[in-house]
Amino acid sequence: MIPDFKKLTDGLIPVIIQDNKTNVVLMLGYMNEEAFQKTAAEKRVTFYSRSKNRLWTKGEESGNYLEVDQLLLDCDLDTILIKASPKGVVCHTGADTCFCEVNSPNFLYQLEETIRKRKSNPTQDSYISSLFANGLNKIAQKVGEEAVELVIEAKDNNDELFVNEAADLLFHYLILLSAKGFSLDDVIDVLDKRGKK
């Protein structure tokens, strides 16, 4: 199916971009027929920029492209939903989404990105950088320590301490994943495959 670009007088159709993994709504843009065809052909989101009055591929300057995983049309053929994999931040403010979200599932991806930045651009005052500087064995040891502390708190009745230890374990686990060259998506893919068996 093809969108009905003649339905609106300016020939532009709203496009909702949604994260393919987390389902978080990332942004809203507009496409004309040419932008739609380019997006479908290249599997990379291209909008029609109303302010620049031209086609605009998201990420053409920043490198933060939106890779198309799925392209869907609504029942009236006048709205497009694109499920995409973002290659970096989406919003011009530096956020992962143009919509303000509190405690979004995207937070773990934001944390993972912070860890990646501290790994590739270490600073002296960063705890994360210091962990990477100490090496893989120390990071793995820290994950082990946090796991033991979580088990100990699980046997007690202090919910606040238990949740804090769970957060510590998750945080250090993400650092270990990064140290080994893996990401949250790698783990999610394994769990997804197991869930389909």
N, C-alpha and C. Protein backbone atom coordinates (compact mmCIF):
# COMPACT_ATOMS: atom_id res chain seq x y z
N MET A 1 0.83 -1.19 0.00
CA MET A 1 0.00 0.00 0.00
C MET A 1 0.88 1.26 0.00
N ILE A 2 0.36 2.30 -0.59
CA ILE A 2 1.06 3.58 -0.69
C ILE A 2 0.21 4.65 -0.03
N PRO A 3 0.84 5.57 0.72
CA PRO A 3 0.07 6.65 1.35
C PRO A 3 -0.64 7.51 0.31
N ASP A 4 -1.74 8.11 0.73
CA ASP A 4 -2.51 9.00 -0.15
C ASP A 4 -2.02 10.43 0.06
N PHE A 5 -0.99 10.80 -0.71
CA PHE A 5 -0.38 12.13 -0.54
C PHE A 5 -1.27 13.25 -1.08
N LYS A 6 -2.31 12.91 -1.83
CA LYS A 6 -3.20 13.93 -2.39
C LYS A 6 -4.30 14.32 -1.39
N LYS A 7 -4.37 13.59 -0.29
CA LYS A 7 -5.43 13.83 0.69
C LYS A 7 -5.28 15.20 1.36
N LEU A 8 -4.06 15.63 1.57
CA LEU A 8 -3.81 16.93 2.20
C LEU A 8 -3.28 17.89 1.15
N THR A 9 -3.66 19.15 1.27
CA THR A 9 -3.37 20.14 0.22
C THR A 9 -1.87 20.37 0.01
N ASP A 10 -1.07 20.24 1.07
CA ASP A 10 0.37 20.47 0.90
C ASP A 10 1.12 19.22 0.47
N GLY A 11 0.41 18.08 0.37
CA GLY A 11 1.05 16.83 -0.06
C GLY A 11 1.93 16.20 1.00
N LEU A 12 1.83 16.65 2.24
CA LEU A 12 2.65 16.11 3.33
C LEU A 12 1.81 15.26 4.26
N ILE A 13 2.40 14.17 4.70
CA ILE A 13 1.73 13.24 5.61
C ILE A 13 2.54 13.13 6.89
N PRO A 14 1.89 13.17 8.07
CA PRO A 14 2.63 13.01 9.33
C PRO A 14 3.22 11.61 9.45
N VAL A 15 4.43 11.59 10.03
CA VAL A 15 5.15 10.32 10.22
C VAL A 15 5.57 10.22 11.68
N ILE A 16 5.11 9.16 12.32
CA ILE A 16 5.48 8.89 13.72
C ILE A 16 6.64 7.90 13.70
N ILE A 17 7.71 8.24 14.42
CA ILE A 17 8.86 7.35 14.53
C ILE A 17 8.84 6.70 15.90
N GLN A 18 8.90 5.38 15.92
CA GLN A 18 8.84 4.62 17.16
C GLN A 18 10.07 3.71 17.24
N ASP A 19 10.69 3.62 18.40
CA ASP A 19 11.85 2.74 18.59
C ASP A 19 11.41 1.29 18.43
N ASN A 20 12.07 0.57 17.55
CA ASN A 20 11.69 -0.81 17.24
C ASN A 20 11.85 -1.74 18.43
N LYS A 21 12.81 -1.46 19.31
CA LYS A 21 13.05 -2.35 20.46
C LYS A 21 12.18 -2.00 21.66
N THR A 22 12.10 -0.69 21.97
CA THR A 22 11.44 -0.28 23.21
C THR A 22 10.01 0.19 23.01
N ASN A 23 9.61 0.44 21.75
CA ASN A 23 8.30 1.00 21.40
C ASN A 23 8.10 2.43 21.89
N VAL A 24 9.16 3.09 22.33
CA VAL A 24 9.07 4.50 22.74
C VAL A 24 8.89 5.34 21.48
N VAL A 25 7.96 6.30 21.54
CA VAL A 25 7.77 7.23 20.42
C VAL A 25 8.94 8.22 20.45
N LEU A 26 9.66 8.30 19.35
CA LEU A 26 10.88 9.10 19.29
C LEU A 26 10.66 10.50 18.76
N MET A 27 9.88 10.62 17.70
CA MET A 27 9.68 11.93 17.10
C MET A 27 8.53 11.90 16.10
N LEU A 28 8.16 13.09 15.62
CA LEU A 28 7.16 13.24 14.58
C LEU A 28 7.78 14.10 13.47
N GLY A 29 7.56 13.69 12.23
CA GLY A 29 8.02 14.46 11.09
C GLY A 29 6.99 14.38 9.98
N TYR A 30 7.36 14.86 8.80
CA TYR A 30 6.45 14.84 7.66
C TYR A 30 7.18 14.32 6.43
N MET A 31 6.42 13.64 5.58
CA MET A 31 6.97 13.14 4.32
C MET A 31 6.08 13.55 3.16
N ASN A 32 6.72 13.87 2.05
CA ASN A 32 5.99 13.95 0.79
C ASN A 32 6.26 12.63 0.07
N GLU A 33 5.74 12.48 -1.13
CA GLU A 33 5.89 11.21 -1.84
C GLU A 33 7.34 10.87 -2.11
N GLU A 34 8.14 11.87 -2.45
CA GLU A 34 9.56 11.64 -2.75
C GLU A 34 10.31 11.16 -1.51
N ALA A 35 10.03 11.78 -0.36
CA ALA A 35 10.68 11.38 0.89
C ALA A 35 10.29 9.95 1.27
N PHE A 36 9.01 9.61 1.06
CA PHE A 36 8.53 8.27 1.35
C PHE A 36 9.25 7.23 0.49
N GLN A 37 9.35 7.50 -0.81
CA GLN A 37 10.01 6.57 -1.72
C GLN A 37 11.49 6.39 -1.38
N LYS A 38 12.14 7.50 -1.03
CA LYS A 38 13.56 7.44 -0.66
C LYS A 38 13.74 6.63 0.62
N THR A 39 12.87 6.85 1.59
CA THR A 39 12.92 6.11 2.86
C THR A 39 12.71 4.62 2.62
N ALA A 40 11.72 4.28 1.81
CA ALA A 40 11.43 2.86 1.52
C ALA A 40 12.58 2.20 0.78
N ALA A 41 13.20 2.93 -0.13
CA ALA A 41 14.29 2.36 -0.94
C ALA A 41 15.58 2.21 -0.14
N GLU A 42 15.92 3.21 0.67
CA GLU A 42 17.21 3.22 1.37
C GLU A 42 17.14 2.63 2.77
N LYS A 43 15.92 2.40 3.28
CA LYS A 43 15.73 1.87 4.64
C LYS A 43 16.36 2.78 5.69
N ARG A 44 16.33 4.07 5.41
CA ARG A 44 16.83 5.10 6.32
C ARG A 44 15.84 6.27 6.22
N VAL A 45 15.38 6.79 7.36
CA VAL A 45 14.30 7.77 7.37
C VAL A 45 14.73 9.10 6.75
N THR A 46 13.96 9.52 5.75
CA THR A 46 14.10 10.83 5.14
C THR A 46 12.76 11.55 5.25
N PHE A 47 12.79 12.76 5.78
CA PHE A 47 11.60 13.58 5.91
C PHE A 47 11.60 14.66 4.83
N TYR A 48 10.46 15.34 4.74
CA TYR A 48 10.43 16.60 4.00
C TYR A 48 10.47 17.69 5.05
N SER A 49 11.52 18.52 5.03
CA SER A 49 11.67 19.59 6.01
C SER A 49 10.87 20.80 5.57
N ARG A 50 9.89 21.17 6.38
CA ARG A 50 9.07 22.34 6.06
C ARG A 50 9.86 23.63 6.24
N SER A 51 10.81 23.65 7.17
CA SER A 51 11.60 24.87 7.39
C SER A 51 12.68 25.05 6.33
N LYS A 52 13.27 23.91 5.86
CA LYS A 52 14.32 24.00 4.84
C LYS A 52 13.76 23.89 3.43
N ASN A 53 12.50 23.47 3.35
CA ASN A 53 11.82 23.31 2.05
C ASN A 53 12.56 22.35 1.12
N ARG A 54 12.96 21.21 1.70
CA ARG A 54 13.69 20.20 0.93
C ARG A 54 13.65 18.86 1.66
N LEU A 55 14.10 17.80 0.99
CA LEU A 55 14.23 16.50 1.65
C LEU A 55 15.34 16.61 2.69
N TRP A 56 15.13 15.91 3.80
CA TRP A 56 16.10 15.94 4.88
C TRP A 56 16.19 14.55 5.49
N THR A 57 17.35 13.91 5.33
CA THR A 57 17.57 12.60 5.93
C THR A 57 18.00 12.81 7.38
N LYS A 58 17.24 12.24 8.29
CA LYS A 58 17.55 12.37 9.72
C LYS A 58 18.94 11.82 9.96
N GLY A 59 19.82 12.66 10.52
CA GLY A 59 21.19 12.23 10.80
C GLY A 59 22.19 12.61 9.73
N GLU A 60 21.74 13.33 8.69
CA GLU A 60 22.66 13.65 7.59
C GLU A 60 23.84 14.50 8.04
N GLU A 61 23.68 15.26 9.12
CA GLU A 61 24.79 16.05 9.66
C GLU A 61 25.39 15.41 10.90
N SER A 62 24.55 14.85 11.76
CA SER A 62 25.03 14.31 13.04
C SER A 62 25.50 12.85 12.94
N GLY A 63 25.01 12.13 11.94
CA GLY A 63 25.29 10.70 11.86
C GLY A 63 24.31 9.87 12.67
N ASN A 64 23.35 10.53 13.33
CA ASN A 64 22.35 9.83 14.15
C ASN A 64 21.16 9.43 13.27
N TYR A 65 21.40 8.46 12.40
CA TYR A 65 20.37 8.03 11.46
C TYR A 65 19.28 7.22 12.15
N LEU A 66 18.14 7.12 11.47
CA LEU A 66 17.05 6.25 11.89
C LEU A 66 16.93 5.16 10.84
N GLU A 67 17.37 3.96 11.18
CA GLU A 67 17.32 2.82 10.25
C GLU A 67 15.93 2.18 10.33
N VAL A 68 15.29 2.02 9.19
CA VAL A 68 13.91 1.54 9.12
C VAL A 68 13.85 0.02 9.33
N ASP A 69 13.06 -0.40 10.31
CA ASP A 69 12.80 -1.82 10.53
C ASP A 69 11.44 -2.22 9.98
N GLN A 70 10.47 -1.31 10.11
CA GLN A 70 9.12 -1.61 9.64
C GLN A 70 8.42 -0.30 9.29
N LEU A 71 7.70 -0.32 8.19
CA LEU A 71 6.97 0.86 7.71
C LEU A 71 5.50 0.49 7.62
N LEU A 72 4.65 1.19 8.39
CA LEU A 72 3.23 0.86 8.47
C LEU A 72 2.37 2.07 8.12
N LEU A 73 1.21 1.82 7.53
CA LEU A 73 0.26 2.88 7.20
C LEU A 73 -1.01 2.68 8.03
N ASP A 74 -1.66 3.80 8.38
CA ASP A 74 -2.93 3.67 9.09
C ASP A 74 -4.04 3.32 8.10
N CYS A 75 -5.23 3.08 8.62
CA CYS A 75 -6.35 2.60 7.80
C CYS A 75 -6.81 3.63 6.76
N ASP A 76 -6.56 4.91 7.00
CA ASP A 76 -6.97 5.96 6.05
C ASP A 76 -5.87 6.32 5.06
N LEU A 77 -4.72 5.68 5.20
CA LEU A 77 -3.56 5.91 4.32
C LEU A 77 -3.06 7.35 4.38
N ASP A 78 -3.25 8.02 5.54
CA ASP A 78 -2.78 9.39 5.64
C ASP A 78 -1.89 9.65 6.86
N THR A 79 -1.41 8.57 7.48
CA THR A 79 -0.43 8.67 8.56
C THR A 79 0.50 7.46 8.44
N ILE A 80 1.79 7.72 8.66
CA ILE A 80 2.80 6.66 8.55
C ILE A 80 3.39 6.41 9.94
N LEU A 81 3.56 5.15 10.28
CA LEU A 81 4.28 4.75 11.48
C LEU A 81 5.53 4.01 11.03
N ILE A 82 6.68 4.49 11.47
CA ILE A 82 7.94 3.82 11.16
C ILE A 82 8.55 3.31 12.45
N LYS A 83 8.76 2.01 12.50
CA LYS A 83 9.49 1.41 13.62
C LYS A 83 10.94 1.39 13.18
N ALA A 84 11.79 2.07 13.96
CA ALA A 84 13.17 2.28 13.52
C ALA A 84 14.17 1.95 14.62
N SER A 85 15.41 1.73 14.18
CA SER A 85 16.53 1.57 15.11
C SER A 85 17.36 2.84 15.04
N PRO A 86 17.34 3.64 16.11
CA PRO A 86 18.11 4.88 16.09
C PRO A 86 19.60 4.62 16.25
N LYS A 87 20.41 5.33 15.48
CA LYS A 87 21.86 5.24 15.57
C LYS A 87 22.36 6.49 16.28
N GLY A 88 22.10 6.56 17.57
CA GLY A 88 22.46 7.74 18.36
C GLY A 88 21.21 8.42 18.87
N VAL A 89 21.40 9.61 19.43
CA VAL A 89 20.27 10.36 19.98
C VAL A 89 19.36 10.83 18.85
N VAL A 90 18.10 11.08 19.17
CA VAL A 90 17.12 11.46 18.16
C VAL A 90 16.83 12.96 18.19
N CYS A 91 16.64 13.51 19.38
CA CYS A 91 16.24 14.91 19.50
C CYS A 91 17.43 15.86 19.36
N HIS A 92 17.18 17.05 18.83
CA HIS A 92 18.24 18.05 18.69
C HIS A 92 18.75 18.53 20.04
N THR A 93 18.01 18.24 21.12
CA THR A 93 18.45 18.62 22.47
C THR A 93 19.47 17.65 23.03
N GLY A 94 19.68 16.52 22.33
CA GLY A 94 20.59 15.49 22.82
C GLY A 94 19.89 14.36 23.53
N ALA A 95 18.55 14.41 23.57
CA ALA A 95 17.76 13.36 24.22
C ALA A 95 17.47 12.23 23.22
N ASP A 96 17.12 11.08 23.76
CA ASP A 96 16.80 9.93 22.91
C ASP A 96 15.43 10.04 22.27
N THR A 97 14.58 10.90 22.80
CA THR A 97 13.25 11.10 22.25
C THR A 97 12.90 12.58 22.31
N CYS A 98 12.09 13.02 21.39
CA CYS A 98 11.62 14.42 21.40
C CYS A 98 10.48 14.62 22.38
N PHE A 99 9.98 13.52 22.95
CA PHE A 99 8.88 13.59 23.91
C PHE A 99 9.42 13.32 25.30
N CYS A 100 9.05 14.17 26.25
CA CYS A 100 9.53 14.05 27.62
C CYS A 100 8.90 12.82 28.26
N GLU A 101 9.75 11.93 28.74
CA GLU A 101 9.24 10.74 29.41
C GLU A 101 9.97 10.57 30.73
N VAL A 102 9.22 10.22 31.76
CA VAL A 102 9.81 9.96 33.06
C VAL A 102 9.86 8.44 33.25
N ASN A 103 11.02 7.96 33.67
CA ASN A 103 11.22 6.53 33.91
C ASN A 103 10.87 5.69 32.68
N SER A 104 11.28 6.16 31.52
CA SER A 104 10.98 5.41 30.30
C SER A 104 11.87 4.18 30.22
N PRO A 105 11.43 3.16 29.47
CA PRO A 105 12.27 1.98 29.30
C PRO A 105 13.55 2.33 28.56
N ASN A 106 13.56 3.48 27.91
CA ASN A 106 14.73 3.92 27.18
C ASN A 106 15.86 4.33 28.13
N PHE A 107 15.55 4.48 29.42
CA PHE A 107 16.56 4.92 30.38
C PHE A 107 17.77 3.99 30.37
N LEU A 108 17.54 2.68 30.29
CA LEU A 108 18.67 1.75 30.30
C LEU A 108 19.57 1.95 29.08
N TYR A 109 18.95 2.30 27.95
CA TYR A 109 19.75 2.58 26.76
C TYR A 109 20.53 3.88 26.93
N GLN A 110 19.93 4.86 27.63
CA GLN A 110 20.64 6.10 27.91
C GLN A 110 21.82 5.84 28.83
N LEU A 111 21.61 5.01 29.84
CA LEU A 111 22.69 4.65 30.75
C LEU A 111 23.78 3.89 30.01
N GLU A 112 23.38 3.00 29.14
CA GLU A 112 24.34 2.24 28.35
C GLU A 112 25.19 3.17 27.47
N GLU A 113 24.55 4.21 26.91
CA GLU A 113 25.27 5.18 26.10
C GLU A 113 26.25 5.99 26.94
N THR A 114 25.86 6.35 28.16
CA THR A 114 26.77 7.05 29.07
C THR A 114 27.98 6.18 29.39
N ILE A 115 27.75 4.90 29.63
CA ILE A 115 28.84 3.97 29.91
C ILE A 115 29.77 3.88 28.71
N ARG A 116 29.21 3.79 27.52
CA ARG A 116 30.02 3.71 26.31
C ARG A 116 30.89 4.96 26.15
N LYS A 117 30.32 6.13 26.44
CA LYS A 117 31.07 7.38 26.33
C LYS A 117 32.20 7.44 27.34
N ARG A 118 31.94 6.99 28.57
CA ARG A 118 32.98 7.00 29.61
C ARG A 118 34.10 6.00 29.27
N LYS A 119 33.73 4.94 28.57
CA LYS A 119 34.73 3.95 28.16
C LYS A 119 35.63 4.52 27.06
N SER A 120 35.01 5.17 26.06
CA SER A 120 35.80 5.66 24.92
C SER A 120 36.46 7.00 25.19
N ASN A 121 35.90 7.80 26.11
CA ASN A 121 36.47 9.11 26.47
C ASN A 121 36.58 9.22 27.98
N PRO A 122 37.54 8.50 28.58
CA PRO A 122 37.62 8.48 30.05
C PRO A 122 37.97 9.84 30.65
N THR A 123 37.42 10.08 31.84
CA THR A 123 37.75 11.28 32.61
C THR A 123 38.19 10.84 34.00
N GLN A 124 39.03 11.65 34.63
CA GLN A 124 39.59 11.27 35.93
C GLN A 124 38.56 11.23 37.05
N ASP A 125 37.52 12.05 36.93
CA ASP A 125 36.53 12.12 38.00
C ASP A 125 35.34 11.18 37.80
N SER A 126 35.43 10.29 36.81
CA SER A 126 34.31 9.38 36.51
C SER A 126 34.53 8.01 37.15
N TYR A 127 33.55 7.57 37.93
CA TYR A 127 33.61 6.24 38.54
C TYR A 127 33.62 5.17 37.45
N ILE A 128 32.81 5.37 36.42
CA ILE A 128 32.75 4.40 35.32
C ILE A 128 34.11 4.28 34.63
N SER A 129 34.73 5.42 34.35
CA SER A 129 36.05 5.41 33.72
C SER A 129 37.07 4.68 34.59
N SER A 130 36.98 4.88 35.90
CA SER A 130 37.93 4.22 36.81
C SER A 130 37.75 2.70 36.79
N LEU A 131 36.52 2.25 36.65
CA LEU A 131 36.29 0.80 36.55
C LEU A 131 36.94 0.23 35.30
N PHE A 132 36.75 0.92 34.17
CA PHE A 132 37.38 0.45 32.93
C PHE A 132 38.91 0.47 33.04
N ALA A 133 39.43 1.48 33.71
CA ALA A 133 40.88 1.59 33.87
C ALA A 133 41.45 0.43 34.69
N ASN A 134 40.64 -0.10 35.63
CA ASN A 134 41.09 -1.22 36.47
C ASN A 134 41.06 -2.57 35.75
N GLY A 135 40.39 -2.64 34.61
CA GLY A 135 40.42 -3.85 33.80
C GLY A 135 39.24 -4.79 34.02
N LEU A 136 39.15 -5.75 33.12
CA LEU A 136 38.02 -6.69 33.08
C LEU A 136 37.88 -7.51 34.36
N ASN A 137 38.99 -7.99 34.91
CA ASN A 137 38.91 -8.82 36.12
C ASN A 137 38.28 -8.07 37.28
N LYS A 138 38.65 -6.80 37.46
CA LYS A 138 38.09 -5.99 38.55
C LYS A 138 36.61 -5.70 38.32
N ILE A 139 36.24 -5.48 37.05
CA ILE A 139 34.82 -5.24 36.73
C ILE A 139 34.00 -6.49 37.03
N ALA A 140 34.50 -7.64 36.61
CA ALA A 140 33.80 -8.91 36.86
C ALA A 140 33.70 -9.18 38.36
N GLN A 141 34.78 -8.88 39.10
CA GLN A 141 34.78 -9.05 40.55
C GLN A 141 33.71 -8.17 41.19
N LYS A 142 33.58 -6.94 40.70
CA LYS A 142 32.59 -6.00 41.24
C LYS A 142 31.17 -6.51 40.99
N VAL A 143 30.93 -7.09 39.81
CA VAL A 143 29.61 -7.67 39.52
C VAL A 143 29.31 -8.81 40.49
N GLY A 144 30.33 -9.64 40.75
CA GLY A 144 30.16 -10.74 41.70
C GLY A 144 29.82 -10.24 43.10
N GLU A 145 30.54 -9.20 43.54
CA GLU A 145 30.28 -8.62 44.86
C GLU A 145 28.84 -8.09 44.95
N GLU A 146 28.41 -7.38 43.91
CA GLU A 146 27.06 -6.80 43.90
C GLU A 146 26.00 -7.91 43.89
N ALA A 147 26.28 -9.01 43.18
CA ALA A 147 25.32 -10.13 43.12
C ALA A 147 25.16 -10.76 44.51
N VAL A 148 26.29 -10.93 45.21
CA VAL A 148 26.23 -11.49 46.57
C VAL A 148 25.45 -10.57 47.50
N GLU A 149 25.72 -9.25 47.41
CA GLU A 149 25.01 -8.29 48.25
C GLU A 149 23.51 -8.31 47.98
N LEU A 150 23.13 -8.50 46.70
CA LEU A 150 21.70 -8.57 46.36
C LEU A 150 21.06 -9.81 46.98
N VAL A 151 21.76 -10.94 46.92
CA VAL A 151 21.23 -12.18 47.49
C VAL A 151 21.05 -12.03 49.00
N ILE A 152 22.01 -11.40 49.66
CA ILE A 152 21.91 -11.18 51.11
C ILE A 152 20.70 -10.32 51.44
N GLU A 153 20.51 -9.23 50.69
CA GLU A 153 19.36 -8.35 50.95
C GLU A 153 18.03 -9.02 50.61
N ALA A 154 18.05 -9.96 49.67
CA ALA A 154 16.82 -10.66 49.30
C ALA A 154 16.29 -11.50 50.46
N LYS A 155 17.19 -11.93 51.36
CA LYS A 155 16.80 -12.76 52.49
C LYS A 155 16.26 -11.94 53.65
N ASP A 156 16.48 -10.61 53.61
CA ASP A 156 15.98 -9.73 54.66
C ASP A 156 14.67 -9.08 54.22
N ASN A 157 14.11 -8.25 55.07
CA ASN A 157 12.83 -7.61 54.77
C ASN A 157 12.93 -6.12 54.50
N ASN A 158 14.13 -5.64 54.15
CA ASN A 158 14.30 -4.22 53.88
C ASN A 158 14.21 -4.00 52.37
N ASP A 159 13.03 -3.63 51.90
CA ASP A 159 12.80 -3.47 50.47
C ASP A 159 13.68 -2.40 49.84
N GLU A 160 13.91 -1.34 50.60
CA GLU A 160 14.72 -0.23 50.06
C GLU A 160 16.15 -0.70 49.79
N LEU A 161 16.75 -1.40 50.73
CA LEU A 161 18.11 -1.93 50.54
C LEU A 161 18.14 -2.93 49.39
N PHE A 162 17.13 -3.78 49.31
CA PHE A 162 17.08 -4.78 48.23
C PHE A 162 17.06 -4.10 46.85
N VAL A 163 16.20 -3.09 46.69
CA VAL A 163 16.09 -2.41 45.40
C VAL A 163 17.38 -1.65 45.08
N ASN A 164 18.01 -1.07 46.09
CA ASN A 164 19.28 -0.38 45.87
C ASN A 164 20.38 -1.34 45.42
N GLU A 165 20.42 -2.51 46.02
CA GLU A 165 21.42 -3.51 45.60
C GLU A 165 21.11 -4.03 44.20
N ALA A 166 19.82 -4.16 43.88
CA ALA A 166 19.43 -4.58 42.52
C ALA A 166 19.91 -3.55 41.50
N ALA A 167 19.76 -2.27 41.84
CA ALA A 167 20.22 -1.19 40.94
C ALA A 167 21.74 -1.25 40.79
N ASP A 168 22.47 -1.48 41.88
CA ASP A 168 23.93 -1.58 41.81
C ASP A 168 24.36 -2.73 40.91
N LEU A 169 23.68 -3.87 41.05
CA LEU A 169 24.03 -5.03 40.22
C LEU A 169 23.76 -4.75 38.75
N LEU A 170 22.61 -4.17 38.45
CA LEU A 170 22.27 -3.87 37.06
C LEU A 170 23.27 -2.89 36.45
N PHE A 171 23.62 -1.86 37.20
CA PHE A 171 24.58 -0.85 36.75
C PHE A 171 25.93 -1.49 36.41
N HIS A 172 26.45 -2.30 37.33
CA HIS A 172 27.76 -2.91 37.11
C HIS A 172 27.70 -4.00 36.03
N TYR A 173 26.56 -4.66 35.90
CA TYR A 173 26.36 -5.64 34.84
C TYR A 173 26.46 -4.98 33.46
N LEU A 174 25.86 -3.78 33.32
CA LEU A 174 25.95 -3.05 32.05
C LEU A 174 27.39 -2.66 31.74
N ILE A 175 28.15 -2.33 32.76
CA ILE A 175 29.57 -2.01 32.56
C ILE A 175 30.32 -3.25 32.10
N LEU A 176 30.03 -4.41 32.71
CA LEU A 176 30.68 -5.66 32.31
C LEU A 176 30.33 -6.01 30.86
N LEU A 177 29.07 -5.85 30.49
CA LEU A 177 28.67 -6.10 29.09
C LEU A 177 29.51 -5.24 28.15
N SER A 178 29.63 -3.97 28.45
CA SER A 178 30.40 -3.05 27.62
C SER A 178 31.87 -3.44 27.56
N ALA A 179 32.42 -3.83 28.71
CA ALA A 179 33.83 -4.25 28.77
C ALA A 179 34.09 -5.46 27.89
N LYS A 180 33.09 -6.32 27.76
CA LYS A 180 33.21 -7.52 26.93
C LYS A 180 32.84 -7.26 25.47
N GLY A 181 32.41 -6.02 25.17
CA GLY A 181 32.06 -5.68 23.78
C GLY A 181 30.64 -6.02 23.39
N PHE A 182 29.77 -6.18 24.39
CA PHE A 182 28.38 -6.51 24.13
C PHE A 182 27.48 -5.38 24.60
N SER A 183 26.20 -5.48 24.24
CA SER A 183 25.23 -4.47 24.64
C SER A 183 23.96 -5.14 25.16
N LEU A 184 23.08 -4.33 25.69
CA LEU A 184 21.77 -4.80 26.15
C LEU A 184 21.01 -5.49 25.02
N ASP A 185 21.11 -4.94 23.82
CA ASP A 185 20.42 -5.53 22.67
C ASP A 185 20.87 -6.96 22.40
N ASP A 186 22.15 -7.25 22.62
CA ASP A 186 22.65 -8.63 22.42
C ASP A 186 21.96 -9.58 23.38
N VAL A 187 21.78 -9.16 24.62
CA VAL A 187 21.11 -9.99 25.62
C VAL A 187 19.63 -10.12 25.30
N ILE A 188 19.00 -9.01 24.90
CA ILE A 188 17.58 -9.04 24.54
C ILE A 188 17.34 -9.98 23.37
N ASP A 189 18.25 -9.98 22.39
CA ASP A 189 18.11 -10.88 21.24
C ASP A 189 18.13 -12.34 21.68
N VAL A 190 19.02 -12.68 22.61
CA VAL A 190 19.08 -14.06 23.12
C VAL A 190 17.78 -14.42 23.83
N LEU A 191 17.30 -13.51 24.69
CA LEU A 191 16.05 -13.78 25.41
C LEU A 191 14.86 -13.89 24.46
N ASP A 192 14.86 -13.06 23.42
CA ASP A 192 13.79 -13.10 22.43
C ASP A 192 13.78 -14.43 21.69
N LYS A 193 14.95 -14.92 21.32
CA LYS A 193 15.04 -16.22 20.63
C LYS A 193 14.59 -17.36 21.55
N ARG A 194 14.96 -17.27 22.83
CA ARG A 194 14.53 -18.30 23.79
C ARG A 194 13.01 -18.28 23.95
N GLY A 195 12.43 -17.09 23.94
CA GLY A 195 10.99 -16.96 24.12
C GLY A 195 10.19 -17.52 22.98
N LYS A 196 10.82 -17.69 21.82
CA LYS A 196 10.13 -18.21 20.64
C LYS A 196 10.23 -19.71 20.51
N LYS A 197 10.98 -20.34 21.41
CA LYS A 197 11.13 -21.81 21.35
C LYS A 197 9.95 -22.51 21.98
